[in-house]
Amino acid sequence: MIGSINPNMIILARESRGWNQIELAEKIGMSATNLSKIERNDIGIQQEVLETIADKTSFPIQFFYQ
């Protein structure tokens, strides 16, 4: 798990692509419920999931650590 990512940056990346939680969740192979929990910082995020989000949104991985 990664503790130092900024979940608001996931929201920003998702919204910048015009996607709702369901759309991003489908693209990364995750339930919208779990994505919502990650965005609220209720649960941690695995490195592989963060890498997939970075890939699908075309943001560098460092973006999510701001």
N, C-alpha and C. Protein backbone atom coordinates (compact mmCIF):
# COMPACT_ATOMS: atom_id res chain seq x y z
N MET A 1 0.84 -1.19 0.00
CA MET A 1 0.00 0.00 0.00
C MET A 1 0.88 1.25 0.00
N ILE A 2 0.35 2.31 -0.56
CA ILE A 2 1.07 3.56 -0.63
C ILE A 2 0.35 4.56 0.26
N GLY A 3 1.07 5.17 1.18
CA GLY A 3 0.41 6.10 2.07
C GLY A 3 0.51 7.55 1.66
N SER A 4 1.44 7.85 0.76
CA SER A 4 1.74 9.25 0.50
C SER A 4 1.11 9.81 -0.77
N ILE A 5 0.22 9.07 -1.39
CA ILE A 5 -0.44 9.65 -2.56
C ILE A 5 -1.53 10.60 -2.10
N ASN A 6 -1.86 11.54 -2.97
CA ASN A 6 -2.91 12.50 -2.69
C ASN A 6 -4.17 12.04 -3.45
N PRO A 7 -5.17 11.53 -2.74
CA PRO A 7 -6.35 11.02 -3.43
C PRO A 7 -7.08 12.08 -4.24
N ASN A 8 -6.91 13.35 -3.85
CA ASN A 8 -7.54 14.42 -4.63
C ASN A 8 -6.99 14.49 -6.04
N MET A 9 -5.74 14.04 -6.22
CA MET A 9 -5.14 14.05 -7.55
C MET A 9 -5.76 12.97 -8.44
N ILE A 10 -6.22 11.88 -7.83
CA ILE A 10 -6.94 10.86 -8.61
C ILE A 10 -8.24 11.46 -9.11
N ILE A 11 -8.94 12.17 -8.23
CA ILE A 11 -10.19 12.82 -8.63
C ILE A 11 -9.93 13.83 -9.74
N LEU A 12 -8.88 14.63 -9.57
CA LEU A 12 -8.54 15.64 -10.57
C LEU A 12 -8.22 15.00 -11.92
N ALA A 13 -7.43 13.95 -11.90
CA ALA A 13 -7.08 13.26 -13.14
C ALA A 13 -8.33 12.68 -13.81
N ARG A 14 -9.18 12.05 -13.02
CA ARG A 14 -10.41 11.45 -13.55
C ARG A 14 -11.32 12.51 -14.15
N GLU A 15 -11.54 13.59 -13.39
CA GLU A 15 -12.45 14.64 -13.87
C GLU A 15 -11.88 15.37 -15.08
N SER A 16 -10.55 15.47 -15.15
CA SER A 16 -9.94 16.15 -16.30
C SER A 16 -10.17 15.37 -17.59
N ARG A 17 -10.42 14.08 -17.45
CA ARG A 17 -10.73 13.24 -18.62
C ARG A 17 -12.24 13.17 -18.88
N GLY A 18 -13.02 13.82 -18.02
CA GLY A 18 -14.47 13.83 -18.20
C GLY A 18 -15.13 12.53 -17.80
N TRP A 19 -14.49 11.78 -16.92
CA TRP A 19 -15.01 10.48 -16.50
C TRP A 19 -15.62 10.57 -15.11
N ASN A 20 -16.70 9.81 -14.91
CA ASN A 20 -17.23 9.65 -13.55
C ASN A 20 -16.53 8.45 -12.92
N GLN A 21 -16.84 8.18 -11.67
CA GLN A 21 -16.17 7.07 -10.96
C GLN A 21 -16.42 5.74 -11.65
N ILE A 22 -17.63 5.53 -12.13
CA ILE A 22 -17.97 4.25 -12.77
C ILE A 22 -17.11 4.05 -14.02
N GLU A 23 -16.94 5.11 -14.81
CA GLU A 23 -16.15 5.00 -16.05
C GLU A 23 -14.69 4.68 -15.75
N LEU A 24 -14.09 5.39 -14.80
CA LEU A 24 -12.69 5.09 -14.47
C LEU A 24 -12.57 3.70 -13.86
N ALA A 25 -13.50 3.35 -12.99
CA ALA A 25 -13.45 2.02 -12.35
C ALA A 25 -13.47 0.92 -13.41
N GLU A 26 -14.31 1.07 -14.44
CA GLU A 26 -14.35 0.07 -15.51
C GLU A 26 -13.02 0.01 -16.26
N LYS A 27 -12.43 1.17 -16.51
CA LYS A 27 -11.17 1.21 -17.27
C LYS A 27 -10.02 0.56 -16.51
N ILE A 28 -10.07 0.61 -15.17
CA ILE A 28 -8.97 0.04 -14.38
C ILE A 28 -9.32 -1.32 -13.78
N GLY A 29 -10.52 -1.82 -14.08
CA GLY A 29 -10.90 -3.15 -13.60
C GLY A 29 -11.15 -3.20 -12.11
N MET A 30 -11.80 -2.18 -11.59
CA MET A 30 -12.08 -2.08 -10.16
C MET A 30 -13.55 -1.71 -9.99
N SER A 31 -14.11 -2.05 -8.83
CA SER A 31 -15.48 -1.64 -8.57
C SER A 31 -15.51 -0.13 -8.28
N ALA A 32 -16.60 0.51 -8.66
CA ALA A 32 -16.76 1.94 -8.38
C ALA A 32 -16.77 2.18 -6.88
N THR A 33 -17.26 1.22 -6.12
CA THR A 33 -17.27 1.34 -4.66
C THR A 33 -15.86 1.47 -4.12
N ASN A 34 -14.96 0.59 -4.58
CA ASN A 34 -13.57 0.66 -4.10
C ASN A 34 -12.86 1.92 -4.58
N LEU A 35 -13.14 2.33 -5.82
CA LEU A 35 -12.55 3.57 -6.31
C LEU A 35 -13.01 4.75 -5.45
N SER A 36 -14.27 4.76 -5.10
CA SER A 36 -14.81 5.82 -4.24
C SER A 36 -14.09 5.83 -2.89
N LYS A 37 -13.84 4.65 -2.34
CA LYS A 37 -13.14 4.55 -1.05
C LYS A 37 -11.71 5.06 -1.17
N ILE A 38 -11.06 4.78 -2.29
CA ILE A 38 -9.69 5.28 -2.51
C ILE A 38 -9.72 6.80 -2.61
N GLU A 39 -10.68 7.33 -3.37
CA GLU A 39 -10.77 8.78 -3.55
C GLU A 39 -11.09 9.50 -2.23
N ARG A 40 -11.80 8.84 -1.34
CA ARG A 40 -12.11 9.43 -0.02
C ARG A 40 -11.00 9.17 1.00
N ASN A 41 -9.97 8.42 0.56
CA ASN A 41 -8.85 8.05 1.42
C ASN A 41 -9.29 7.14 2.56
N ASP A 42 -10.36 6.38 2.32
CA ASP A 42 -10.83 5.40 3.32
C ASP A 42 -10.00 4.12 3.27
N ILE A 43 -9.49 3.79 2.08
CA ILE A 43 -8.63 2.62 1.94
C ILE A 43 -7.38 3.04 1.17
N GLY A 44 -6.33 2.29 1.35
CA GLY A 44 -5.09 2.55 0.63
C GLY A 44 -5.19 2.11 -0.81
N ILE A 45 -4.15 2.39 -1.57
CA ILE A 45 -4.11 2.01 -2.98
C ILE A 45 -2.84 1.23 -3.24
N GLN A 46 -2.97 0.15 -3.97
CA GLN A 46 -1.80 -0.65 -4.31
C GLN A 46 -1.04 0.00 -5.46
N GLN A 47 0.25 -0.22 -5.50
CA GLN A 47 1.11 0.37 -6.54
C GLN A 47 0.59 0.04 -7.94
N GLU A 48 0.18 -1.21 -8.15
CA GLU A 48 -0.28 -1.63 -9.48
C GLU A 48 -1.52 -0.85 -9.90
N VAL A 49 -2.41 -0.60 -8.93
CA VAL A 49 -3.64 0.15 -9.23
C VAL A 49 -3.29 1.59 -9.58
N LEU A 50 -2.39 2.19 -8.82
CA LEU A 50 -1.98 3.55 -9.10
C LEU A 50 -1.34 3.64 -10.48
N GLU A 51 -0.51 2.67 -10.82
CA GLU A 51 0.13 2.66 -12.14
C GLU A 51 -0.91 2.55 -13.25
N THR A 52 -1.95 1.76 -13.03
CA THR A 52 -3.01 1.61 -14.02
C THR A 52 -3.79 2.91 -14.17
N ILE A 53 -4.10 3.56 -13.04
CA ILE A 53 -4.79 4.85 -13.10
C ILE A 53 -3.94 5.87 -13.87
N ALA A 54 -2.64 5.91 -13.58
CA ALA A 54 -1.74 6.83 -14.27
C ALA A 54 -1.74 6.54 -15.77
N ASP A 55 -1.70 5.26 -16.13
CA ASP A 55 -1.68 4.87 -17.53
C ASP A 55 -2.98 5.27 -18.23
N LYS A 56 -4.11 4.94 -17.64
CA LYS A 56 -5.41 5.20 -18.28
C LYS A 56 -5.72 6.68 -18.37
N THR A 57 -5.26 7.48 -17.40
CA THR A 57 -5.54 8.91 -17.42
C THR A 57 -4.44 9.71 -18.13
N SER A 58 -3.35 9.03 -18.48
CA SER A 58 -2.19 9.65 -19.15
C SER A 58 -1.53 10.74 -18.30
N PHE A 59 -1.51 10.52 -17.00
CA PHE A 59 -0.79 11.40 -16.08
C PHE A 59 0.43 10.66 -15.57
N PRO A 60 1.56 11.37 -15.37
CA PRO A 60 2.73 10.69 -14.80
C PRO A 60 2.46 10.27 -13.37
N ILE A 61 3.08 9.18 -12.97
CA ILE A 61 2.84 8.64 -11.62
C ILE A 61 3.15 9.68 -10.54
N GLN A 62 4.14 10.55 -10.79
CA GLN A 62 4.51 11.55 -9.80
C GLN A 62 3.37 12.54 -9.54
N PHE A 63 2.52 12.73 -10.52
CA PHE A 63 1.38 13.66 -10.38
C PHE A 63 0.55 13.33 -9.14
N PHE A 64 0.39 12.05 -8.85
CA PHE A 64 -0.49 11.62 -7.78
C PHE A 64 0.12 11.79 -6.38
N TYR A 65 1.39 12.20 -6.33
CA TYR A 65 2.07 12.42 -5.05
C TYR A 65 2.07 13.90 -4.65
N GLN A 66 1.47 14.76 -5.44
CA GLN A 66 1.48 16.20 -5.16
C GLN A 66 0.58 16.52 -3.98
